[in-house]
C-alpha atoms as a PDB file:
ATOM      1  CA  UNK A   1      19.219  -8.426 -13.316  1.00  0.00           C
ATOM      2  CA  UNK A   2      15.519  -8.566 -12.428  1.00  0.00           C
ATOM      3  CA  UNK A   3      15.891  -5.334 -10.293  1.00  0.00           C
ATOM      4  CA  UNK A   4      17.383  -3.577 -13.237  1.00  0.00           C
ATOM      5  CA  UNK A   5      14.602  -4.735 -15.482  1.00  0.00           C
ATOM      6  CA  UNK A   6      12.006  -3.497 -12.848  1.00  0.00           C
ATOM      7  CA  UNK A   7      13.579  -0.019 -12.562  1.00  0.00           C
ATOM      8  CA  UNK A   8      14.186   0.275 -16.279  1.00  0.00           C
ATOM      9  CA  UNK A   9      10.475  -0.533 -17.218  1.00  0.00           C
ATOM     10  CA  UNK A  10       9.155   1.640 -14.330  1.00  0.00           C
ATOM     11  CA  UNK A  11      11.375   4.650 -15.506  1.00  0.00           C
ATOM     12  CA  UNK A  12      10.349   4.221 -18.931  1.00  0.00           C
ATOM     13  CA  UNK A  13       6.616   4.135 -18.216  1.00  0.00           C
ATOM     14  CA  UNK A  14       6.943   6.984 -15.654  1.00  0.00           C
ATOM     15  CA  UNK A  15       8.677   9.087 -18.158  1.00  0.00           C
ATOM     16  CA  UNK A  16       6.284   8.238 -20.924  1.00  0.00           C
ATOM     17  CA  UNK A  17       3.075   9.084 -18.826  1.00  0.00           C
ATOM     18  CA  UNK A  18       4.661  12.259 -17.601  1.00  0.00           C
ATOM     19  CA  UNK A  19       5.222  13.417 -21.127  1.00  0.00           C
ATOM     20  CA  UNK A  20       1.702  12.434 -22.166  1.00  0.00           C
ATOM     21  CA  UNK A  21       0.287  14.111 -19.162  1.00  0.00           C
ATOM     22  CA  UNK A  22       2.274  17.379 -19.501  1.00  0.00           C
ATOM     23  CA  UNK A  23       2.187  17.805 -23.282  1.00  0.00           C
ATOM     24  CA  UNK A  24      -1.081  16.147 -24.522  1.00  0.00           C
ATOM     25  CA  UNK A  25      -3.391  16.540 -21.268  1.00  0.00           C
ATOM     26  CA  UNK A  26      -1.969  19.855 -20.101  1.00  0.00           C
ATOM     27  CA  UNK A  27      -1.148  18.684 -16.692  1.00  0.00           C
ATOM     28  CA  UNK A  28       1.074  20.857 -14.515  1.00  0.00           C
ATOM     29  CA  UNK A  29       4.092  19.948 -12.570  1.00  0.00           C
ATOM     30  CA  UNK A  30       2.520  21.565  -9.504  1.00  0.00           C
ATOM     31  CA  UNK A  31      -0.388  19.122  -9.745  1.00  0.00           C
ATOM     32  CA  UNK A  32       2.064  16.278  -9.969  1.00  0.00           C
ATOM     33  CA  UNK A  33       3.676  17.440  -6.606  1.00  0.00           C
ATOM     34  CA  UNK A  34       0.157  17.300  -5.099  1.00  0.00           C
ATOM     35  CA  UNK A  35      -0.571  13.867  -6.398  1.00  0.00           C
ATOM     36  CA  UNK A  36       2.910  12.707  -5.174  1.00  0.00           C
ATOM     37  CA  UNK A  37       2.060  14.044  -1.654  1.00  0.00           C
ATOM     38  CA  UNK A  38      -1.284  12.208  -1.758  1.00  0.00           C
ATOM     39  CA  UNK A  39       0.273   8.981  -3.011  1.00  0.00           C
ATOM     40  CA  UNK A  40       2.871   9.203  -0.077  1.00  0.00           C
ATOM     41  CA  UNK A  41      -0.003   9.665   2.168  1.00  0.00           C
ATOM     42  CA  UNK A  42      -1.785   6.558   0.843  1.00  0.00           C
ATOM     43  CA  UNK A  43       1.457   4.439   1.174  1.00  0.00           C
ATOM     44  CA  UNK A  44       1.916   5.660   4.746  1.00  0.00           C
ATOM     45  CA  UNK A  45      -1.791   4.784   5.577  1.00  0.00           C
ATOM     46  CA  UNK A  46      -1.231   1.256   3.903  1.00  0.00           C
ATOM     47  CA  UNK A  47       1.902   0.669   5.910  1.00  0.00           C
ATOM     48  CA  UNK A  48      -0.034   1.598   9.123  1.00  0.00           C
ATOM     49  CA  UNK A  49      -3.019  -0.800   8.317  1.00  0.00           C
ATOM     50  CA  UNK A  50      -0.533  -3.558   7.264  1.00  0.00           C
ATOM     51  CA  UNK A  51       1.366  -3.475  10.592  1.00  0.00           C
ATOM     52  CA  UNK A  52      -1.695  -3.143  12.676  1.00  0.00           C
ATOM     53  CA  UNK A  53      -3.679  -5.974  10.891  1.00  0.00           C
ATOM     54  CA  UNK A  54      -0.546  -8.270  11.439  1.00  0.00           C
ATOM     55  CA  UNK A  55      -0.199  -7.263  15.065  1.00  0.00           C
ATOM     56  CA  UNK A  56      -3.930  -7.915  15.616  1.00  0.00           C
ATOM     57  CA  UNK A  57      -3.763 -11.071  13.661  1.00  0.00           C
ATOM     58  CA  UNK A  58      -0.729 -12.289  15.849  1.00  0.00           C
ATOM     59  CA  UNK A  59      -2.559 -11.448  19.070  1.00  0.00           C
ATOM     60  CA  UNK A  60      -5.604 -13.313  17.901  1.00  0.00           C
ATOM     61  CA  UNK A  61      -3.438 -16.321  17.045  1.00  0.00           C
ATOM     62  CA  UNK A  62      -1.535 -16.199  20.511  1.00  0.00           C
ATOM     63  CA  UNK A  63      -4.993 -15.732  22.194  1.00  0.00           C
ATOM     64  CA  UNK A  64      -6.516 -18.880  20.577  1.00  0.00           C
ATOM     65  CA  UNK A  65      -3.382 -20.822  21.685  1.00  0.00           C
ATOM     66  CA  UNK A  66      -3.682 -19.651  25.058  1.00  0.00           C
ATOM     67  CA  UNK A  67      -7.402 -20.226  25.538  1.00  0.00           C
ATOM     68  CA  UNK A  68      -7.817 -23.395  23.701  1.00  0.00           C
ATOM     69  CA  UNK A  69      -4.425 -24.775  24.230  1.00  0.00           C
ATOM     70  CA  UNK A  70      -4.215 -25.891  20.539  1.00  0.00           C
ATOM     71  CA  UNK A  71      -1.245 -24.871  18.495  1.00  0.00           C
ATOM     72  CA  UNK A  72      -2.165 -22.360  15.780  1.00  0.00           C
ATOM     73  CA  UNK A  73       0.746 -21.281  13.537  1.00  0.00           C
ATOM     74  CA  UNK A  74       1.787 -17.636  13.011  1.00  0.00           C
ATOM     75  CA  UNK A  75       2.680 -18.697   9.481  1.00  0.00           C
ATOM     76  CA  UNK A  76      -1.041 -18.011   8.864  1.00  0.00           C
ATOM     77  CA  UNK A  77      -0.074 -14.302   8.639  1.00  0.00           C
ATOM     78  CA  UNK A  78       2.337 -15.067   5.815  1.00  0.00           C
ATOM     79  CA  UNK A  79      -0.449 -15.146   3.202  1.00  0.00           C
ATOM     80  CA  UNK A  80      -0.262 -12.379   0.533  1.00  0.00           C
ATOM     81  CA  UNK A  81      -3.962 -11.673   1.094  1.00  0.00           C
ATOM     82  CA  UNK A  82      -3.099  -9.849   4.314  1.00  0.00           C
ATOM     83  CA  UNK A  83      -1.010  -7.420   2.332  1.00  0.00           C
ATOM     84  CA  UNK A  84      -3.513  -6.888  -0.413  1.00  0.00           C
ATOM     85  CA  UNK A  85      -6.492  -6.477   1.864  1.00  0.00           C
ATOM     86  CA  UNK A  86      -4.463  -4.127   4.182  1.00  0.00           C
ATOM     87  CA  UNK A  87      -3.466  -2.186   1.068  1.00  0.00           C
ATOM     88  CA  UNK A  88      -7.187  -1.774   0.098  1.00  0.00           C
ATOM     89  CA  UNK A  89      -8.003  -0.770   3.651  1.00  0.00           C
ATOM     90  CA  UNK A  90      -5.270   1.810   3.794  1.00  0.00           C
ATOM     91  CA  UNK A  91      -6.004   3.204   0.402  1.00  0.00           C
ATOM     92  CA  UNK A  92      -9.824   3.466   1.072  1.00  0.00           C
ATOM     93  CA  UNK A  93      -9.137   5.310   4.362  1.00  0.00           C
ATOM     94  CA  UNK A  94      -6.604   7.686   3.009  1.00  0.00           C
ATOM     95  CA  UNK A  95      -8.889   8.580   0.052  1.00  0.00           C
ATOM     96  CA  UNK A  96     -11.882   8.957   2.436  1.00  0.00           C
ATOM     97  CA  UNK A  97      -9.788  11.452   4.585  1.00  0.00           C
ATOM     98  CA  UNK A  98      -8.658  13.316   1.406  1.00  0.00           C
ATOM     99  CA  UNK A  99     -12.285  13.512   0.079  1.00  0.00           C
ATOM    100  CA  UNK A 100     -13.269  15.377   3.303  1.00  0.00           C
ATOM    101  CA  UNK A 101     -11.176  18.246   2.801  1.00  0.00           C
END
């Protein structure tokens, strides 16, 4: 049921904003394609940063375990802050690259 609600609301707002953009703001479908490509570039970069940050975080935790002999849990990587900050890193990197050219 919650999935249906999410998909329904997202569809409704996407269609509404498409209509506002195309009819009231005069935005073209071609510009929407460009925006979607840029968005997918951002999503891919966010995924790369997320995986890389978790791998480095895991390596640091395992390194601390090895060097100190104290147990440090990998569950520290489960915090949502990792995903949020990785998302901001990836978005910033992607927009920075897009601003170049």
